[in-house]
Amino acid sequence: MSPEPSNMPHTSKPAGSDPALAELERLRASIDNIDAALIHMLAERFRCTQEVGKLKARAHLPPADPSRETRQIERLRQLARDAHLDPDFAEKFLAFVIREVIRHHEAIAADARRASEG
């Protein structure tokens, strides 16, 4: 169990008293804003992929599209290189997102099958 905040040692100075701490707070605020934007962008991406999943289910298409995934991974790896980001990291991130999308598509397809049988 962690100590109560009042019991924790106070090791940092107020941000205004140290330029490094002020810069740290400014950078952290930027990171917080970027994190929020990432979450909103992921939510929008998943709204689009939900629609793709519904379309695939109606058209009886498979939840996964390996050739599309391969193209997307290479495209993202190139974008990462262009942005000076580790392409392996970008690929791992996209692979994680793709796995979640496929899981959603499989659930949508299963729901569509149950609805058509019922």
PDB file of N, CA and C in Angstrom:
ATOM      1  N   MET A   1       0.847  -1.181   0.000  1.00  0.00           N
ATOM      2  CA  MET A   1       0.000   0.000   0.000  1.00  0.00           C
ATOM      3  C   MET A   1       0.888   1.238   0.000  1.00  0.00           C
ATOM      4  N   SER A   2       0.574   2.227  -0.779  1.00  0.00           N
ATOM      5  CA  SER A   2       1.408   3.420  -0.857  1.00  0.00           C
ATOM      6  C   SER A   2       1.041   4.399   0.247  1.00  0.00           C
ATOM      7  N   PRO A   3       1.999   5.205   0.674  1.00  0.00           N
ATOM      8  CA  PRO A   3       1.715   6.158   1.743  1.00  0.00           C
ATOM      9  C   PRO A   3       0.751   7.229   1.277  1.00  0.00           C
ATOM     10  N   GLU A   4       0.064   7.813   2.232  1.00  0.00           N
ATOM     11  CA  GLU A   4      -0.834   8.923   1.928  1.00  0.00           C
ATOM     12  C   GLU A   4      -0.012  10.084   1.387  1.00  0.00           C
ATOM     13  N   PRO A   5      -0.580  10.910   0.518  1.00  0.00           N
ATOM     14  CA  PRO A   5       0.183  12.018  -0.052  1.00  0.00           C
ATOM     15  C   PRO A   5       0.802  12.924   1.007  1.00  0.00           C
ATOM     16  N   SER A   6       0.126  13.137   2.132  1.00  0.00           N
ATOM     17  CA  SER A   6       0.661  14.018   3.163  1.00  0.00           C
ATOM     18  C   SER A   6       1.891  13.422   3.832  1.00  0.00           C
ATOM     19  N   ASN A   7       2.085  12.099   3.745  1.00  0.00           N
ATOM     20  CA  ASN A   7       3.239  11.443   4.342  1.00  0.00           C
ATOM     21  C   ASN A   7       4.416  11.339   3.385  1.00  0.00           C
ATOM     22  N   MET A   8       4.207  11.701   2.142  1.00  0.00           N
ATOM     23  CA  MET A   8       5.266  11.561   1.150  1.00  0.00           C
ATOM     24  C   MET A   8       6.232  12.733   1.272  1.00  0.00           C
ATOM     25  N   PRO A   9       7.532  12.469   1.066  1.00  0.00           N
ATOM     26  CA  PRO A   9       8.504  13.564   1.146  1.00  0.00           C
ATOM     27  C   PRO A   9       8.286  14.553   0.009  1.00  0.00           C
ATOM     28  N   HIS A  10       8.523  15.804   0.313  1.00  0.00           N
ATOM     29  CA  HIS A  10       8.385  16.857  -0.696  1.00  0.00           C
ATOM     30  C   HIS A  10       9.770  17.156  -1.233  1.00  0.00           C
ATOM     31  N   THR A  11      10.069  16.643  -2.429  1.00  0.00           N
ATOM     32  CA  THR A  11      11.404  16.803  -2.994  1.00  0.00           C
ATOM     33  C   THR A  11      11.437  17.785  -4.150  1.00  0.00           C
ATOM     34  N   SER A  12      10.291  18.168  -4.668  1.00  0.00           N
ATOM     35  CA  SER A  12      10.314  19.074  -5.815  1.00  0.00           C
ATOM     36  C   SER A  12      10.000  20.493  -5.372  1.00  0.00           C
ATOM     37  N   LYS A  13      10.589  21.419  -6.104  1.00  0.00           N
ATOM     38  CA  LYS A  13      10.360  22.835  -5.854  1.00  0.00           C
ATOM     39  C   LYS A  13       9.183  23.296  -6.703  1.00  0.00           C
ATOM     40  N   PRO A  14       8.568  24.408  -6.371  1.00  0.00           N
ATOM     41  CA  PRO A  14       7.533  24.949  -7.258  1.00  0.00           C
ATOM     42  C   PRO A  14       8.122  25.193  -8.647  1.00  0.00           C
ATOM     43  N   ALA A  15       7.313  24.972  -9.659  1.00  0.00           N
ATOM     44  CA  ALA A  15       7.791  25.048 -11.042  1.00  0.00           C
ATOM     45  C   ALA A  15       8.433  26.390 -11.366  1.00  0.00           C
ATOM     46  N   GLY A  16       7.920  27.463 -10.816  1.00  0.00           N
ATOM     47  CA  GLY A  16       8.448  28.781 -11.124  1.00  0.00           C
ATOM     48  C   GLY A  16       9.840  29.021 -10.584  1.00  0.00           C
ATOM     49  N   SER A  17      10.297  28.224  -9.627  1.00  0.00           N
ATOM     50  CA  SER A  17      11.591  28.476  -8.996  1.00  0.00           C
ATOM     51  C   SER A  17      12.756  27.842  -9.739  1.00  0.00           C
ATOM     52  N   ASP A  18      12.502  26.956 -10.663  1.00  0.00           N
ATOM     53  CA  ASP A  18      13.578  26.271 -11.373  1.00  0.00           C
ATOM     54  C   ASP A  18      13.202  26.165 -12.847  1.00  0.00           C
ATOM     55  N   PRO A  19      14.009  26.754 -13.732  1.00  0.00           N
ATOM     56  CA  PRO A  19      13.679  26.687 -15.161  1.00  0.00           C
ATOM     57  C   PRO A  19      13.555  25.254 -15.684  1.00  0.00           C
ATOM     58  N   ALA A  20      14.362  24.336 -15.171  1.00  0.00           N
ATOM     59  CA  ALA A  20      14.274  22.946 -15.636  1.00  0.00           C
ATOM     60  C   ALA A  20      12.931  22.339 -15.269  1.00  0.00           C
ATOM     61  N   LEU A  21      12.457  22.622 -14.057  1.00  0.00           N
ATOM     62  CA  LEU A  21      11.157  22.080 -13.644  1.00  0.00           C
ATOM     63  C   LEU A  21      10.022  22.709 -14.436  1.00  0.00           C
ATOM     64  N   ALA A  22      10.142  23.991 -14.728  1.00  0.00           N
ATOM     65  CA  ALA A  22       9.117  24.656 -15.543  1.00  0.00           C
ATOM     66  C   ALA A  22       9.078  24.038 -16.938  1.00  0.00           C
ATOM     67  N   GLU A  23      10.262  23.774 -17.506  1.00  0.00           N
ATOM     68  CA  GLU A  23      10.327  23.146 -18.832  1.00  0.00           C
ATOM     69  C   GLU A  23       9.769  21.731 -18.783  1.00  0.00           C
ATOM     70  N   LEU A  24      10.075  21.006 -17.710  1.00  0.00           N
ATOM     71  CA  LEU A  24       9.545  19.655 -17.534  1.00  0.00           C
ATOM     72  C   LEU A  24       8.018  19.682 -17.502  1.00  0.00           C
ATOM     73  N   GLU A  25       7.451  20.616 -16.768  1.00  0.00           N
ATOM     74  CA  GLU A  25       5.984  20.729 -16.717  1.00  0.00           C
ATOM     75  C   GLU A  25       5.410  21.070 -18.085  1.00  0.00           C
ATOM     76  N   ARG A  26       6.085  21.962 -18.816  1.00  0.00           N
ATOM     77  CA  ARG A  26       5.613  22.341 -20.152  1.00  0.00           C
ATOM     78  C   ARG A  26       5.640  21.127 -21.081  1.00  0.00           C
ATOM     79  N   LEU A  27       6.730  20.382 -21.045  1.00  0.00           N
ATOM     80  CA  LEU A  27       6.842  19.193 -21.894  1.00  0.00           C
ATOM     81  C   LEU A  27       5.807  18.141 -21.514  1.00  0.00           C
ATOM     82  N   ARG A  28       5.612  17.946 -20.226  1.00  0.00           N
ATOM     83  CA  ARG A  28       4.611  16.967 -19.780  1.00  0.00           C
ATOM     84  C   ARG A  28       3.207  17.380 -20.190  1.00  0.00           C
ATOM     85  N   ALA A  29       2.923  18.672 -20.168  1.00  0.00           N
ATOM     86  CA  ALA A  29       1.608  19.141 -20.619  1.00  0.00           C
ATOM     87  C   ALA A  29       1.431  18.837 -22.108  1.00  0.00           C
ATOM     88  N   SER A  30       2.499  19.016 -22.889  1.00  0.00           N
ATOM     89  CA  SER A  30       2.432  18.674 -24.316  1.00  0.00           C
ATOM     90  C   SER A  30       2.189  17.185 -24.502  1.00  0.00           C
ATOM     91  N   ILE A  31       2.899  16.365 -23.727  1.00  0.00           N
ATOM     92  CA  ILE A  31       2.713  14.914 -23.806  1.00  0.00           C
ATOM     93  C   ILE A  31       1.280  14.543 -23.460  1.00  0.00           C
ATOM     94  N   ASP A  32       0.732  15.161 -22.419  1.00  0.00           N
ATOM     95  CA  ASP A  32      -0.653  14.882 -22.029  1.00  0.00           C
ATOM     96  C   ASP A  32      -1.619  15.218 -23.161  1.00  0.00           C
ATOM     97  N   ASN A  33      -1.388  16.342 -23.830  1.00  0.00           N
ATOM     98  CA  ASN A  33      -2.251  16.730 -24.953  1.00  0.00           C
ATOM     99  C   ASN A  33      -2.119  15.754 -26.120  1.00  0.00           C
ATOM    100  N   ILE A  34      -0.902  15.330 -26.402  1.00  0.00           N
ATOM    101  CA  ILE A  34      -0.683  14.365 -27.484  1.00  0.00           C
ATOM    102  C   ILE A  34      -1.348  13.035 -27.147  1.00  0.00           C
ATOM    103  N   ASP A  35      -1.219  12.592 -25.887  1.00  0.00           N
ATOM    104  CA  ASP A  35      -1.873  11.347 -25.468  1.00  0.00           C
ATOM    105  C   ASP A  35      -3.385  11.433 -25.658  1.00  0.00           C
ATOM    106  N   ALA A  36      -3.965  12.568 -25.298  1.00  0.00           N
ATOM    107  CA  ALA A  36      -5.411  12.746 -25.475  1.00  0.00           C
ATOM    108  C   ALA A  36      -5.773  12.687 -26.962  1.00  0.00           C
ATOM    109  N   ALA A  37      -4.965  13.332 -27.796  1.00  0.00           N
ATOM    110  CA  ALA A  37      -5.225  13.300 -29.239  1.00  0.00           C
ATOM    111  C   ALA A  37      -5.116  11.873 -29.779  1.00  0.00           C
ATOM    112  N   LEU A  38      -4.122  11.116 -29.307  1.00  0.00           N
ATOM    113  CA  LEU A  38      -3.981   9.717 -29.735  1.00  0.00           C
ATOM    114  C   LEU A  38      -5.228   8.909 -29.398  1.00  0.00           C
ATOM    115  N   ILE A  39      -5.746   9.093 -28.200  1.00  0.00           N
ATOM    116  CA  ILE A  39      -6.945   8.357 -27.787  1.00  0.00           C
ATOM    117  C   ILE A  39      -8.122   8.714 -28.687  1.00  0.00           C
ATOM    118  N   HIS A  40      -8.289   9.998 -28.972  1.00  0.00           N
ATOM    119  CA  HIS A  40      -9.394  10.418 -29.841  1.00  0.00           C
ATOM    120  C   HIS A  40      -9.212   9.890 -31.265  1.00  0.00           C
ATOM    121  N   MET A  41      -7.988   9.885 -31.755  1.00  0.00           N
ATOM    122  CA  MET A  41      -7.722   9.350 -33.091  1.00  0.00           C
ATOM    123  C   MET A  41      -7.976   7.842 -33.133  1.00  0.00           C
ATOM    124  N   LEU A  42      -7.560   7.126 -32.091  1.00  0.00           N
ATOM    125  CA  LEU A  42      -7.832   5.684 -32.046  1.00  0.00           C
ATOM    126  C   LEU A  42      -9.333   5.415 -31.995  1.00  0.00           C
ATOM    127  N   ALA A  43     -10.058   6.223 -31.228  1.00  0.00           N
ATOM    128  CA  ALA A  43     -11.514   6.046 -31.155  1.00  0.00           C
ATOM    129  C   ALA A  43     -12.138   6.247 -32.533  1.00  0.00           C
ATOM    130  N   GLU A  44     -11.694   7.265 -33.254  1.00  0.00           N
ATOM    131  CA  GLU A  44     -12.218   7.514 -34.601  1.00  0.00           C
ATOM    132  C   GLU A  44     -11.844   6.365 -35.539  1.00  0.00           C
ATOM    133  N   ARG A  45     -10.620   5.870 -35.421  1.00  0.00           N
ATOM    134  CA  ARG A  45     -10.187   4.741 -36.250  1.00  0.00           C
ATOM    135  C   ARG A  45     -11.070   3.526 -35.980  1.00  0.00           C
ATOM    136  N   PHE A  46     -11.355   3.257 -34.711  1.00  0.00           N
ATOM    137  CA  PHE A  46     -12.175   2.095 -34.384  1.00  0.00           C
ATOM    138  C   PHE A  46     -13.625   2.282 -34.819  1.00  0.00           C
ATOM    139  N   ARG A  47     -14.116   3.520 -34.844  1.00  0.00           N
ATOM    140  CA  ARG A  47     -15.462   3.742 -35.395  1.00  0.00           C
ATOM    141  C   ARG A  47     -15.480   3.344 -36.875  1.00  0.00           C
ATOM    142  N   CYS A  48     -14.444   3.724 -37.598  1.00  0.00           N
ATOM    143  CA  CYS A  48     -14.359   3.352 -39.024  1.00  0.00           C
ATOM    144  C   CYS A  48     -14.226   1.846 -39.194  1.00  0.00           C
ATOM    145  N   THR A  49     -13.381   1.215 -38.383  1.00  0.00           N
ATOM    146  CA  THR A  49     -13.193  -0.225 -38.546  1.00  0.00           C
ATOM    147  C   THR A  49     -14.431  -1.006 -38.119  1.00  0.00           C
ATOM    148  N   GLN A  50     -15.234  -0.450 -37.222  1.00  0.00           N
ATOM    149  CA  GLN A  50     -16.502  -1.104 -36.881  1.00  0.00           C
ATOM    150  C   GLN A  50     -17.408  -1.136 -38.109  1.00  0.00           C
ATOM    151  N   GLU A  51     -17.430  -0.041 -38.847  1.00  0.00           N
ATOM    152  CA  GLU A  51     -18.230   0.004 -40.073  1.00  0.00           C
ATOM    153  C   GLU A  51     -17.694  -0.990 -41.102  1.00  0.00           C
ATOM    154  N   VAL A  52     -16.369  -1.081 -41.204  1.00  0.00           N
ATOM    155  CA  VAL A  52     -15.763  -2.074 -42.103  1.00  0.00           C
ATOM    156  C   VAL A  52     -16.198  -3.473 -41.682  1.00  0.00           C
ATOM    157  N   GLY A  53     -16.170  -3.743 -40.386  1.00  0.00           N
ATOM    158  CA  GLY A  53     -16.574  -5.061 -39.884  1.00  0.00           C
ATOM    159  C   GLY A  53     -18.021  -5.383 -40.215  1.00  0.00           C
ATOM    160  N   LYS A  54     -18.898  -4.395 -40.093  1.00  0.00           N
ATOM    161  CA  LYS A  54     -20.311  -4.612 -40.432  1.00  0.00           C
ATOM    162  C   LYS A  54     -20.473  -4.896 -41.926  1.00  0.00           C
ATOM    163  N   LEU A  55     -19.753  -4.131 -42.740  1.00  0.00           N
ATOM    164  CA  LEU A  55     -19.805  -4.339 -44.190  1.00  0.00           C
ATOM    165  C   LEU A  55     -19.291  -5.730 -44.553  1.00  0.00           C
ATOM    166  N   LYS A  56     -18.172  -6.131 -43.946  1.00  0.00           N
ATOM    167  CA  LYS A  56     -17.628  -7.467 -44.215  1.00  0.00           C
ATOM    168  C   LYS A  56     -18.620  -8.551 -43.805  1.00  0.00           C
ATOM    169  N   ALA A  57     -19.269  -8.370 -42.669  1.00  0.00           N
ATOM    170  CA  ALA A  57     -20.229  -9.375 -42.203  1.00  0.00           C
ATOM    171  C   ALA A  57     -21.399  -9.484 -43.177  1.00  0.00           C
ATOM    172  N   ARG A  58     -21.922  -8.331 -43.646  1.00  0.00           N
ATOM    173  CA  ARG A  58     -23.040  -8.356 -44.600  1.00  0.00           C
ATOM    174  C   ARG A  58     -22.635  -9.018 -45.914  1.00  0.00           C
ATOM    175  N   ALA A  59     -21.386  -8.797 -46.324  1.00  0.00           N
ATOM    176  CA  ALA A  59     -20.903  -9.335 -47.602  1.00  0.00           C
ATOM    177  C   ALA A  59     -20.275 -10.717 -47.448  1.00  0.00           C
ATOM    178  N   HIS A  60     -20.322 -11.250 -46.236  1.00  0.00           N
ATOM    179  CA  HIS A  60     -19.737 -12.570 -45.943  1.00  0.00           C
ATOM    180  C   HIS A  60     -18.249 -12.630 -46.301  1.00  0.00           C
ATOM    181  N   LEU A  61     -17.547 -11.545 -45.986  1.00  0.00           N
ATOM    182  CA  LEU A  61     -16.101 -11.488 -46.197  1.00  0.00           C
ATOM    183  C   LEU A  61     -15.392 -11.878 -44.901  1.00  0.00           C
ATOM    184  N   PRO A  62     -14.189 -12.408 -44.986  1.00  0.00           N
ATOM    185  CA  PRO A  62     -13.475 -12.812 -43.768  1.00  0.00           C
ATOM    186  C   PRO A  62     -13.087 -11.598 -42.921  1.00  0.00           C
ATOM    187  N   PRO A  63     -13.015 -11.772 -41.597  1.00  0.00           N
ATOM    188  CA  PRO A  63     -12.652 -10.657 -40.714  1.00  0.00           C
ATOM    189  C   PRO A  63     -11.250 -10.111 -40.979  1.00  0.00           C
ATOM    190  N   ALA A  64     -10.320 -10.973 -41.359  1.00  0.00           N
ATOM    191  CA  ALA A  64      -8.939 -10.543 -41.596  1.00  0.00           C
ATOM    192  C   ALA A  64      -8.667 -10.444 -43.090  1.00  0.00           C
ATOM    193  N   ASP A  65      -7.784  -9.527 -43.441  1.00  0.00           N
ATOM    194  CA  ASP A  65      -7.352  -9.352 -44.831  1.00  0.00           C
ATOM    195  C   ASP A  65      -5.827  -9.254 -44.812  1.00  0.00           C
ATOM    196  N   PRO A  66      -5.137 -10.401 -44.826  1.00  0.00           N
ATOM    197  CA  PRO A  66      -3.678 -10.398 -44.676  1.00  0.00           C
ATOM    198  C   PRO A  66      -2.934  -9.525 -45.688  1.00  0.00           C
ATOM    199  N   SER A  67      -3.402  -9.464 -46.929  1.00  0.00           N
ATOM    200  CA  SER A  67      -2.682  -8.638 -47.908  1.00  0.00           C
ATOM    201  C   SER A  67      -2.817  -7.155 -47.559  1.00  0.00           C
ATOM    202  N   ARG A  68      -3.993  -6.738 -47.124  1.00  0.00           N
ATOM    203  CA  ARG A  68      -4.186  -5.349 -46.675  1.00  0.00           C
ATOM    204  C   ARG A  68      -3.316  -5.066 -45.458  1.00  0.00           C
ATOM    205  N   GLU A  69      -3.281  -5.998 -44.515  1.00  0.00           N
ATOM    206  CA  GLU A  69      -2.482  -5.807 -43.303  1.00  0.00           C
ATOM    207  C   GLU A  69      -1.005  -5.657 -43.650  1.00  0.00           C
ATOM    208  N   THR A  70      -0.518  -6.480 -44.575  1.00  0.00           N
ATOM    209  CA  THR A  70       0.886  -6.396 -45.000  1.00  0.00           C
ATOM    210  C   THR A  70       1.180  -5.040 -45.620  1.00  0.00           C
ATOM    211  N   ARG A  71       0.270  -4.572 -46.491  1.00  0.00           N
ATOM    212  CA  ARG A  71       0.454  -3.244 -47.111  1.00  0.00           C
ATOM    213  C   ARG A  71       0.442  -2.141 -46.058  1.00  0.00           C
ATOM    214  N   GLN A  72      -0.478  -2.243 -45.108  1.00  0.00           N
ATOM    215  CA  GLN A  72      -0.566  -1.234 -44.052  1.00  0.00           C
ATOM    216  C   GLN A  72       0.698  -1.205 -43.201  1.00  0.00           C
ATOM    217  N   ILE A  73       1.196  -2.379 -42.859  1.00  0.00           N
ATOM    218  CA  ILE A  73       2.405  -2.435 -42.033  1.00  0.00           C
ATOM    219  C   ILE A  73       3.574  -1.788 -42.770  1.00  0.00           C
ATOM    220  N   GLU A  74       3.750  -2.105 -44.044  1.00  0.00           N
ATOM    221  CA  GLU A  74       4.858  -1.497 -44.792  1.00  0.00           C
ATOM    222  C   GLU A  74       4.666   0.010 -44.927  1.00  0.00           C
ATOM    223  N   ARG A  75       3.439   0.440 -45.166  1.00  0.00           N
ATOM    224  CA  ARG A  75       3.163   1.884 -45.266  1.00  0.00           C
ATOM    225  C   ARG A  75       3.497   2.584 -43.954  1.00  0.00           C
ATOM    226  N   LEU A  76       3.080   1.985 -42.825  1.00  0.00           N
ATOM    227  CA  LEU A  76       3.354   2.584 -41.514  1.00  0.00           C
ATOM    228  C   LEU A  76       4.840   2.549 -41.186  1.00  0.00           C
ATOM    229  N   ARG A  77       5.524   1.495 -41.588  1.00  0.00           N
ATOM    230  CA  ARG A  77       6.982   1.436 -41.365  1.00  0.00           C
ATOM    231  C   ARG A  77       7.671   2.583 -42.119  1.00  0.00           C
ATOM    232  N   GLN A  78       7.219   2.847 -43.359  1.00  0.00           N
ATOM    233  CA  GLN A  78       7.817   3.947 -44.121  1.00  0.00           C
ATOM    234  C   GLN A  78       7.483   5.291 -43.481  1.00  0.00           C
ATOM    235  N   LEU A  79       6.244   5.469 -43.067  1.00  0.00           N
ATOM    236  CA  LEU A  79       5.876   6.706 -42.372  1.00  0.00           C
ATOM    237  C   LEU A  79       6.722   6.891 -41.116  1.00  0.00           C
ATOM    238  N   ALA A  80       6.952   5.807 -40.394  1.00  0.00           N
ATOM    239  CA  ALA A  80       7.778   5.880 -39.185  1.00  0.00           C
ATOM    240  C   ALA A  80       9.204   6.306 -39.546  1.00  0.00           C
ATOM    241  N   ARG A  81       9.763   5.692 -40.575  1.00  0.00           N
ATOM    242  CA  ARG A  81      11.122   6.084 -40.998  1.00  0.00           C
ATOM    243  C   ARG A  81      11.154   7.568 -41.362  1.00  0.00           C
ATOM    244  N   ASP A  82      10.157   8.016 -42.112  1.00  0.00           N
ATOM    245  CA  ASP A  82      10.100   9.426 -42.516  1.00  0.00           C
ATOM    246  C   ASP A  82       9.988  10.358 -41.309  1.00  0.00           C
ATOM    247  N   ALA A  83       9.340   9.880 -40.252  1.00  0.00           N
ATOM    248  CA  ALA A  83       9.140  10.685 -39.039  1.00  0.00           C
ATOM    249  C   ALA A  83      10.241  10.467 -38.002  1.00  0.00           C
ATOM    250  N   HIS A  84      11.262   9.703 -38.370  1.00  0.00           N
ATOM    251  CA  HIS A  84      12.372   9.387 -37.453  1.00  0.00           C
ATOM    252  C   HIS A  84      11.884   8.652 -36.206  1.00  0.00           C
ATOM    253  N   LEU A  85      10.949   7.738 -36.430  1.00  0.00           N
ATOM    254  CA  LEU A  85      10.428   6.869 -35.380  1.00  0.00           C
ATOM    255  C   LEU A  85      10.868   5.447 -35.712  1.00  0.00           C
ATOM    256  N   ASP A  86      11.143   4.667 -34.713  1.00  0.00           N
ATOM    257  CA  ASP A  86      11.584   3.286 -34.917  1.00  0.00           C
ATOM    258  C   ASP A  86      10.504   2.510 -35.678  1.00  0.00           C
ATOM    259  N   PRO A  87      10.795   2.035 -36.898  1.00  0.00           N
ATOM    260  CA  PRO A  87       9.793   1.299 -37.677  1.00  0.00           C
ATOM    261  C   PRO A  87       9.333   0.016 -36.997  1.00  0.00           C
ATOM    262  N   ASP A  88      10.212  -0.618 -36.232  1.00  0.00           N
ATOM    263  CA  ASP A  88       9.809  -1.832 -35.509  1.00  0.00           C
ATOM    264  C   ASP A  88       8.748  -1.508 -34.464  1.00  0.00           C
ATOM    265  N   PHE A  89       8.929  -0.377 -33.781  1.00  0.00           N
ATOM    266  CA  PHE A  89       7.923   0.058 -32.809  1.00  0.00           C
ATOM    267  C   PHE A  89       6.598   0.330 -33.517  1.00  0.00           C
ATOM    268  N   ALA A  90       6.648   1.037 -34.637  1.00  0.00           N
ATOM    269  CA  ALA A  90       5.425   1.349 -35.386  1.00  0.00           C
ATOM    270  C   ALA A  90       4.728   0.070 -35.821  1.00  0.00           C
ATOM    271  N   GLU A  91       5.508  -0.914 -36.267  1.00  0.00           N
ATOM    272  CA  GLU A  91       4.916  -2.184 -36.687  1.00  0.00           C
ATOM    273  C   GLU A  91       4.260  -2.904 -35.514  1.00  0.00           C
ATOM    274  N   LYS A  92       4.921  -2.930 -34.372  1.00  0.00           N
ATOM    275  CA  LYS A  92       4.342  -3.582 -33.190  1.00  0.00           C
ATOM    276  C   LYS A  92       3.046  -2.893 -32.774  1.00  0.00           C
ATOM    277  N   PHE A  93       3.054  -1.566 -32.822  1.00  0.00           N
ATOM    278  CA  PHE A  93       1.857  -0.808 -32.457  1.00  0.00           C
ATOM    279  C   PHE A  93       0.716  -1.137 -33.415  1.00  0.00           C
ATOM    280  N   LEU A  94       1.000  -1.109 -34.718  1.00  0.00           N
ATOM    281  CA  LEU A  94      -0.042  -1.401 -35.704  1.00  0.00           C
ATOM    282  C   LEU A  94      -0.516  -2.842 -35.587  1.00  0.00           C
ATOM    283  N   ALA A  95       0.397  -3.768 -35.341  1.00  0.00           N
ATOM    284  CA  ALA A  95       0.004  -5.176 -35.189  1.00  0.00           C
ATOM    285  C   ALA A  95      -0.953  -5.332 -34.014  1.00  0.00           C
ATOM    286  N   PHE A  96      -0.696  -4.613 -32.933  1.00  0.00           N
ATOM    287  CA  PHE A  96      -1.591  -4.647 -31.776  1.00  0.00           C
ATOM    288  C   PHE A  96      -2.976  -4.119 -32.159  1.00  0.00           C
ATOM    289  N   VAL A  97      -3.008  -3.005 -32.864  1.00  0.00           N
ATOM    290  CA  VAL A  97      -4.280  -2.412 -33.293  1.00  0.00           C
ATOM    291  C   VAL A  97      -5.007  -3.366 -34.242  1.00  0.00           C
ATOM    292  N   ILE A  98      -4.287  -3.944 -35.190  1.00  0.00           N
ATOM    293  CA  ILE A  98      -4.906  -4.861 -36.155  1.00  0.00           C
ATOM    294  C   ILE A  98      -5.507  -6.067 -35.446  1.00  0.00           C
ATOM    295  N   ARG A  99      -4.791  -6.620 -34.465  1.00  0.00           N
ATOM    296  CA  ARG A  99      -5.341  -7.770 -33.720  1.00  0.00           C
ATOM    297  C   ARG A  99      -6.662  -7.401 -33.054  1.00  0.00           C
ATOM    298  N   GLU A 100      -6.733  -6.212 -32.492  1.00  0.00           N
ATOM    299  CA  GLU A 100      -7.969  -5.774 -31.844  1.00  0.00           C
ATOM    300  C   GLU A 100      -9.075  -5.571 -32.875  1.00  0.00           C
ATOM    301  N   VAL A 101      -8.751  -5.001 -34.018  1.00  0.00           N
ATOM    302  CA  VAL A 101      -9.738  -4.805 -35.089  1.00  0.00           C
ATOM    303  C   VAL A 101     -10.284  -6.155 -35.550  1.00  0.00           C
ATOM    304  N   ILE A 102      -9.401  -7.126 -35.766  1.00  0.00           N
ATOM    305  CA  ILE A 102      -9.844  -8.453 -36.209  1.00  0.00           C
ATOM    306  C   ILE A 102     -10.745  -9.085 -35.158  1.00  0.00           C
ATOM    307  N   ARG A 103     -10.387  -8.911 -33.893  1.00  0.00           N
ATOM    308  CA  ARG A 103     -11.233  -9.440 -32.815  1.00  0.00           C
ATOM    309  C   ARG A 103     -12.637  -8.824 -32.895  1.00  0.00           C
ATOM    310  N   HIS A 104     -12.698  -7.518 -33.127  1.00  0.00           N
ATOM    311  CA  HIS A 104     -14.001  -6.847 -33.279  1.00  0.00           C
ATOM    312  C   HIS A 104     -14.742  -7.386 -34.497  1.00  0.00           C
ATOM    313  N   HIS A 105     -14.033  -7.547 -35.611  1.00  0.00           N
ATOM    314  CA  HIS A 105     -14.673  -8.043 -36.835  1.00  0.00           C
ATOM    315  C   HIS A 105     -15.203  -9.457 -36.640  1.00  0.00           C
ATOM    316  N   GLU A 106     -14.465 -10.290 -35.930  1.00  0.00           N
ATOM    317  CA  GLU A 106     -14.940 -11.648 -35.653  1.00  0.00           C
ATOM    318  C   GLU A 106     -16.211 -11.615 -34.808  1.00  0.00           C
ATOM    319  N   ALA A 107     -16.260 -10.718 -33.830  1.00  0.00           N
ATOM    320  CA  ALA A 107     -17.457 -10.601 -32.992  1.00  0.00           C
ATOM    321  C   ALA A 107     -18.646 -10.100 -33.811  1.00  0.00           C
ATOM    322  N   ILE A 108     -18.417  -9.132 -34.677  1.00  0.00           N
ATOM    323  CA  ILE A 108     -19.494  -8.615 -35.537  1.00  0.00           C
ATOM    324  C   ILE A 108     -20.002  -9.724 -36.454  1.00  0.00           C
ATOM    325  N   ALA A 109     -19.083 -10.500 -37.040  1.00  0.00           N
ATOM    326  CA  ALA A 109     -19.478 -11.597 -37.936  1.00  0.00           C
ATOM    327  C   ALA A 109     -20.273 -12.651 -37.174  1.00  0.00           C
ATOM    328  N   ALA A 110     -19.845 -12.974 -35.959  1.00  0.00           N
ATOM    329  CA  ALA A 110     -20.564 -13.968 -35.150  1.00  0.00           C
ATOM    330  C   ALA A 110     -21.963 -13.465 -34.813  1.00  0.00           C
ATOM    331  N   ASP A 111     -22.079 -12.182 -34.467  1.00  0.00           N
ATOM    332  CA  ASP A 111     -23.400 -11.605 -34.183  1.00  0.00           C
ATOM    333  C   ASP A 111     -24.291 -11.662 -35.419  1.00  0.00           C
ATOM    334  N   ALA A 112     -23.730 -11.366 -36.584  1.00  0.00           N
ATOM    335  CA  ALA A 112     -24.509 -11.394 -37.829  1.00  0.00           C
ATOM    336  C   ALA A 112     -24.976 -12.811 -38.142  1.00  0.00           C
ATOM    337  N   ARG A 113     -24.109 -13.792 -37.912  1.00  0.00           N
ATOM    338  CA  ARG A 113     -24.504 -15.196 -38.150  1.00  0.00           C
ATOM    339  C   ARG A 113     -25.639 -15.596 -37.211  1.00  0.00           C
ATOM    340  N   ARG A 114     -25.515 -15.233 -35.943  1.00  0.00           N
ATOM    341  CA  ARG A 114     -26.577 -15.571 -34.977  1.00  0.00           C
ATOM    342  C   ARG A 114     -27.891 -14.904 -35.360  1.00  0.00           C
ATOM    343  N   ALA A 115     -27.821 -13.658 -35.805  1.00  0.00           N
ATOM    344  CA  ALA A 115     -29.040 -12.939 -36.194  1.00  0.00           C
ATOM    345  C   ALA A 115     -29.695 -13.586 -37.411  1.00  0.00           C
ATOM    346  N   SER A 116     -28.892 -14.060 -38.350  1.00  0.00           N
ATOM    347  CA  SER A 116     -29.478 -14.671 -39.550  1.00  0.00           C
ATOM    348  C   SER A 116     -30.024 -16.067 -39.271  1.00  0.00           C
ATOM    349  N   GLU A 117     -29.493 -16.726 -38.246  1.00  0.00           N
ATOM    350  CA  GLU A 117     -29.981 -18.063 -37.887  1.00  0.00           C
ATOM    351  C   GLU A 117     -31.237 -17.991 -37.025  1.00  0.00           C
ATOM    352  N   GLY A 118     -31.352 -16.891 -36.277  1.00  0.00           N
ATOM    353  CA  GLY A 118     -32.435 -16.786 -35.297  1.00  0.00           C
ATOM    354  C   GLY A 118     -33.694 -16.309 -35.865  1.00  0.00           C
TER     355      GLY A 118
END
